[in-house]
Amino acid sequence: MALTGKQRRKLRAMGHHLSPLVQVGQKGVTPEVVSAAAQALEDHELIKVKIAEGPEDRGEAAEKLARQTGAELAQVLGRTALLFKKREKDSKIELD
């Protein structure tokens, strides 16, 4: 599911007050980071991820993490990425 501009705008507004739940370290996007992000997405649907200097640049790391978790990348701002993955059941976020 690709996000529209309107949906991205709504997610950015919702994510503005969030604190980062997952941090990508110097080793980049490791299986442990993917696992932590997947669990956080299952729990919260919308998460912020802090990205440190590593083997990939910020954009590449955010794209890779989104792809490996099956999430949509709503925003990359500085060293912070905003990821969204709608839950199958009991979703709290409606985009339409």
N, C-alpha and C. Protein backbone atom coordinates (compact mmCIF):
# COMPACT_ATOMS: atom_id res chain seq x y z
N MET A 1 0.85 -1.17 0.00
CA MET A 1 0.00 0.00 0.00
C MET A 1 0.90 1.24 0.00
N ALA A 2 0.83 2.00 -1.04
CA ALA A 2 1.60 3.24 -1.12
C ALA A 2 0.79 4.37 -0.49
N LEU A 3 1.45 5.19 0.27
CA LEU A 3 0.78 6.30 0.94
C LEU A 3 0.62 7.49 -0.01
N THR A 4 -0.52 8.15 0.08
CA THR A 4 -0.74 9.37 -0.69
C THR A 4 -0.13 10.54 0.09
N GLY A 5 -0.03 11.68 -0.55
CA GLY A 5 0.49 12.86 0.12
C GLY A 5 -0.35 13.26 1.32
N LYS A 6 -1.65 13.15 1.18
CA LYS A 6 -2.56 13.49 2.28
C LYS A 6 -2.36 12.55 3.47
N GLN A 7 -2.20 11.27 3.19
CA GLN A 7 -1.98 10.28 4.25
C GLN A 7 -0.64 10.52 4.94
N ARG A 8 0.40 10.82 4.17
CA ARG A 8 1.71 11.12 4.75
C ARG A 8 1.63 12.33 5.67
N ARG A 9 0.91 13.36 5.23
CA ARG A 9 0.75 14.57 6.03
C ARG A 9 0.07 14.26 7.37
N LYS A 10 -0.96 13.42 7.32
CA LYS A 10 -1.66 13.04 8.55
C LYS A 10 -0.74 12.25 9.48
N LEU A 11 0.03 11.33 8.93
CA LEU A 11 0.96 10.54 9.74
C LEU A 11 2.06 11.42 10.35
N ARG A 12 2.56 12.37 9.57
CA ARG A 12 3.58 13.28 10.11
C ARG A 12 3.03 14.08 11.27
N ALA A 13 1.78 14.54 11.15
CA ALA A 13 1.15 15.29 12.25
C ALA A 13 0.98 14.41 13.48
N MET A 14 0.58 13.17 13.28
CA MET A 14 0.39 12.24 14.40
C MET A 14 1.73 11.87 15.04
N GLY A 15 2.79 11.80 14.25
CA GLY A 15 4.08 11.37 14.75
C GLY A 15 4.93 12.47 15.33
N HIS A 16 4.48 13.71 15.19
CA HIS A 16 5.28 14.85 15.63
C HIS A 16 5.68 14.76 17.10
N HIS A 17 4.77 14.36 17.96
CA HIS A 17 5.04 14.33 19.40
C HIS A 17 5.68 13.03 19.88
N LEU A 18 5.84 12.05 19.00
CA LEU A 18 6.40 10.76 19.41
C LEU A 18 7.89 10.85 19.70
N SER A 19 8.36 10.00 20.59
CA SER A 19 9.79 9.84 20.84
C SER A 19 10.28 8.62 20.08
N PRO A 20 11.56 8.60 19.68
CA PRO A 20 12.08 7.43 18.97
C PRO A 20 12.02 6.17 19.84
N LEU A 21 11.49 5.09 19.28
CA LEU A 21 11.40 3.82 20.00
C LEU A 21 12.51 2.86 19.61
N VAL A 22 13.08 3.05 18.43
CA VAL A 22 14.12 2.16 17.91
C VAL A 22 15.29 3.03 17.46
N GLN A 23 16.50 2.52 17.68
CA GLN A 23 17.68 3.26 17.25
C GLN A 23 18.55 2.37 16.37
N VAL A 24 18.90 2.88 15.19
CA VAL A 24 19.81 2.19 14.29
C VAL A 24 21.21 2.67 14.65
N GLY A 25 22.07 1.73 15.04
CA GLY A 25 23.41 2.08 15.50
C GLY A 25 24.43 2.15 14.39
N GLN A 26 25.70 2.13 14.77
CA GLN A 26 26.80 2.26 13.83
C GLN A 26 26.91 1.08 12.87
N LYS A 27 26.36 -0.06 13.26
CA LYS A 27 26.43 -1.24 12.39
C LYS A 27 25.35 -1.23 11.32
N GLY A 28 24.45 -0.27 11.37
CA GLY A 28 23.40 -0.15 10.37
C GLY A 28 22.18 -0.97 10.73
N VAL A 29 21.43 -1.34 9.71
CA VAL A 29 20.19 -2.09 9.90
C VAL A 29 20.54 -3.57 10.06
N THR A 30 20.60 -4.02 11.30
CA THR A 30 20.91 -5.41 11.61
C THR A 30 19.62 -6.19 11.82
N PRO A 31 19.69 -7.52 11.84
CA PRO A 31 18.48 -8.31 12.11
C PRO A 31 17.84 -7.97 13.47
N GLU A 32 18.66 -7.62 14.44
CA GLU A 32 18.12 -7.24 15.76
C GLU A 32 17.31 -5.95 15.68
N VAL A 33 17.81 -4.99 14.92
CA VAL A 33 17.10 -3.71 14.74
C VAL A 33 15.79 -3.96 13.99
N VAL A 34 15.82 -4.80 12.97
CA VAL A 34 14.61 -5.12 12.21
C VAL A 34 13.59 -5.78 13.12
N SER A 35 14.04 -6.71 13.96
CA SER A 35 13.15 -7.39 14.89
C SER A 35 12.53 -6.41 15.89
N ALA A 36 13.34 -5.52 16.43
CA ALA A 36 12.85 -4.52 17.39
C ALA A 36 11.85 -3.58 16.72
N ALA A 37 12.14 -3.17 15.50
CA ALA A 37 11.24 -2.27 14.78
C ALA A 37 9.93 -2.97 14.43
N ALA A 38 10.02 -4.23 14.03
CA ALA A 38 8.80 -4.99 13.71
C ALA A 38 7.90 -5.13 14.93
N GLN A 39 8.50 -5.40 16.08
CA GLN A 39 7.72 -5.52 17.32
C GLN A 39 7.10 -4.17 17.71
N ALA A 40 7.87 -3.10 17.59
CA ALA A 40 7.35 -1.76 17.91
C ALA A 40 6.22 -1.38 16.97
N LEU A 41 6.34 -1.72 15.69
CA LEU A 41 5.28 -1.43 14.73
C LEU A 41 4.02 -2.22 15.05
N GLU A 42 4.19 -3.46 15.48
CA GLU A 42 3.03 -4.28 15.86
C GLU A 42 2.33 -3.68 17.08
N ASP A 43 3.11 -3.15 18.01
CA ASP A 43 2.55 -2.57 19.23
C ASP A 43 1.93 -1.20 19.00
N HIS A 44 2.58 -0.38 18.16
CA HIS A 44 2.19 1.04 18.07
C HIS A 44 1.69 1.49 16.70
N GLU A 45 1.97 0.77 15.65
CA GLU A 45 1.61 1.09 14.26
C GLU A 45 2.43 2.25 13.68
N LEU A 46 2.69 3.29 14.45
CA LEU A 46 3.44 4.45 13.98
C LEU A 46 4.60 4.68 14.93
N ILE A 47 5.83 4.60 14.40
CA ILE A 47 7.00 4.75 15.28
C ILE A 47 8.03 5.69 14.66
N LYS A 48 8.83 6.29 15.53
CA LYS A 48 9.99 7.05 15.10
C LYS A 48 11.22 6.20 15.31
N VAL A 49 12.16 6.31 14.38
CA VAL A 49 13.41 5.57 14.45
C VAL A 49 14.55 6.57 14.35
N LYS A 50 15.48 6.50 15.28
CA LYS A 50 16.67 7.37 15.26
C LYS A 50 17.76 6.63 14.51
N ILE A 51 18.41 7.32 13.56
CA ILE A 51 19.42 6.67 12.73
C ILE A 51 20.78 7.34 12.97
N ALA A 52 21.74 6.55 13.46
CA ALA A 52 23.10 7.05 13.71
C ALA A 52 23.93 6.91 12.43
N GLU A 53 25.11 7.54 12.44
CA GLU A 53 26.04 7.36 11.33
C GLU A 53 26.40 5.89 11.23
N GLY A 54 26.36 5.36 10.05
CA GLY A 54 26.67 3.95 9.87
C GLY A 54 27.09 3.67 8.45
N PRO A 55 27.06 2.40 8.05
CA PRO A 55 27.48 2.03 6.70
C PRO A 55 26.56 2.59 5.61
N GLU A 56 25.27 2.77 5.93
CA GLU A 56 24.33 3.34 4.97
C GLU A 56 24.05 4.79 5.36
N ASP A 57 23.62 5.59 4.39
CA ASP A 57 23.20 6.94 4.77
C ASP A 57 21.78 6.85 5.34
N ARG A 58 21.28 7.95 5.86
CA ARG A 58 19.98 7.97 6.55
C ARG A 58 18.85 7.45 5.67
N GLY A 59 18.80 7.94 4.45
CA GLY A 59 17.73 7.54 3.54
C GLY A 59 17.76 6.06 3.23
N GLU A 60 18.96 5.55 2.94
CA GLU A 60 19.10 4.12 2.63
C GLU A 60 18.71 3.26 3.83
N ALA A 61 19.16 3.65 5.02
CA ALA A 61 18.84 2.88 6.22
C ALA A 61 17.33 2.89 6.48
N ALA A 62 16.69 4.03 6.32
CA ALA A 62 15.25 4.12 6.55
C ALA A 62 14.49 3.28 5.54
N GLU A 63 14.88 3.35 4.26
CA GLU A 63 14.22 2.55 3.22
C GLU A 63 14.40 1.05 3.48
N LYS A 64 15.61 0.67 3.85
CA LYS A 64 15.91 -0.74 4.11
C LYS A 64 15.09 -1.26 5.30
N LEU A 65 15.01 -0.46 6.36
CA LEU A 65 14.24 -0.87 7.54
C LEU A 65 12.76 -0.97 7.19
N ALA A 66 12.24 -0.02 6.45
CA ALA A 66 10.83 -0.06 6.04
C ALA A 66 10.56 -1.30 5.18
N ARG A 67 11.43 -1.57 4.24
CA ARG A 67 11.26 -2.72 3.35
C ARG A 67 11.30 -4.03 4.13
N GLN A 68 12.25 -4.16 5.06
CA GLN A 68 12.40 -5.42 5.79
C GLN A 68 11.31 -5.65 6.84
N THR A 69 10.66 -4.57 7.29
CA THR A 69 9.57 -4.74 8.26
C THR A 69 8.21 -4.74 7.59
N GLY A 70 8.17 -4.44 6.29
CA GLY A 70 6.90 -4.37 5.58
C GLY A 70 6.13 -3.09 5.89
N ALA A 71 6.83 -2.06 6.33
CA ALA A 71 6.19 -0.81 6.72
C ALA A 71 6.31 0.22 5.60
N GLU A 72 5.55 1.30 5.75
CA GLU A 72 5.63 2.44 4.84
C GLU A 72 6.48 3.51 5.49
N LEU A 73 7.35 4.12 4.71
CA LEU A 73 8.18 5.21 5.20
C LEU A 73 7.40 6.50 5.00
N ALA A 74 6.96 7.11 6.10
CA ALA A 74 6.16 8.33 6.02
C ALA A 74 7.03 9.57 5.91
N GLN A 75 8.21 9.55 6.54
CA GLN A 75 9.06 10.74 6.55
C GLN A 75 10.47 10.40 6.99
N VAL A 76 11.44 11.11 6.41
CA VAL A 76 12.81 11.12 6.92
C VAL A 76 13.15 12.58 7.13
N LEU A 77 13.42 12.94 8.37
CA LEU A 77 13.74 14.32 8.71
C LEU A 77 14.99 14.30 9.57
N GLY A 78 16.08 14.80 9.03
CA GLY A 78 17.34 14.75 9.75
C GLY A 78 17.76 13.31 9.97
N ARG A 79 17.98 12.94 11.20
CA ARG A 79 18.38 11.57 11.54
C ARG A 79 17.22 10.74 12.07
N THR A 80 16.01 11.21 11.84
CA THR A 80 14.82 10.53 12.35
C THR A 80 13.92 10.10 11.20
N ALA A 81 13.46 8.85 11.26
CA ALA A 81 12.52 8.33 10.26
C ALA A 81 11.21 8.00 10.95
N LEU A 82 10.12 8.16 10.21
CA LEU A 82 8.79 7.84 10.72
C LEU A 82 8.25 6.69 9.90
N LEU A 83 7.97 5.57 10.57
CA LEU A 83 7.48 4.36 9.89
C LEU A 83 6.05 4.06 10.32
N PHE A 84 5.26 3.55 9.37
CA PHE A 84 3.87 3.19 9.65
C PHE A 84 3.57 1.82 9.08
N LYS A 85 2.92 1.00 9.89
CA LYS A 85 2.43 -0.30 9.42
C LYS A 85 1.10 -0.57 10.09
N LYS A 86 0.06 -0.63 9.29
CA LYS A 86 -1.30 -0.83 9.81
C LYS A 86 -1.45 -2.26 10.32
N ARG A 87 -2.00 -2.39 11.52
CA ARG A 87 -2.25 -3.70 12.10
C ARG A 87 -3.43 -4.36 11.38
N GLU A 88 -3.40 -5.67 11.33
CA GLU A 88 -4.50 -6.43 10.73
C GLU A 88 -5.76 -6.31 11.58
N LYS A 89 -5.59 -6.42 12.90
CA LYS A 89 -6.73 -6.35 13.83
C LYS A 89 -6.54 -5.16 14.76
N ASP A 90 -7.62 -4.57 15.18
CA ASP A 90 -7.62 -3.51 16.19
C ASP A 90 -6.74 -2.33 15.81
N SER A 91 -6.79 -1.92 14.57
CA SER A 91 -6.00 -0.77 14.15
C SER A 91 -6.60 0.51 14.73
N LYS A 92 -5.74 1.37 15.29
CA LYS A 92 -6.19 2.61 15.88
C LYS A 92 -6.07 3.79 14.91
N ILE A 93 -5.34 3.62 13.82
CA ILE A 93 -5.08 4.72 12.90
C ILE A 93 -5.88 4.50 11.61
N GLU A 94 -6.75 5.45 11.31
CA GLU A 94 -7.52 5.44 10.06
C GLU A 94 -6.96 6.54 9.17
N LEU A 95 -6.57 6.21 7.96
CA LEU A 95 -5.96 7.19 7.07
C LEU A 95 -6.93 7.81 6.09
N ASP A 96 -8.07 7.21 5.86
CA ASP A 96 -8.98 7.76 4.84
C ASP A 96 -9.97 8.73 5.38
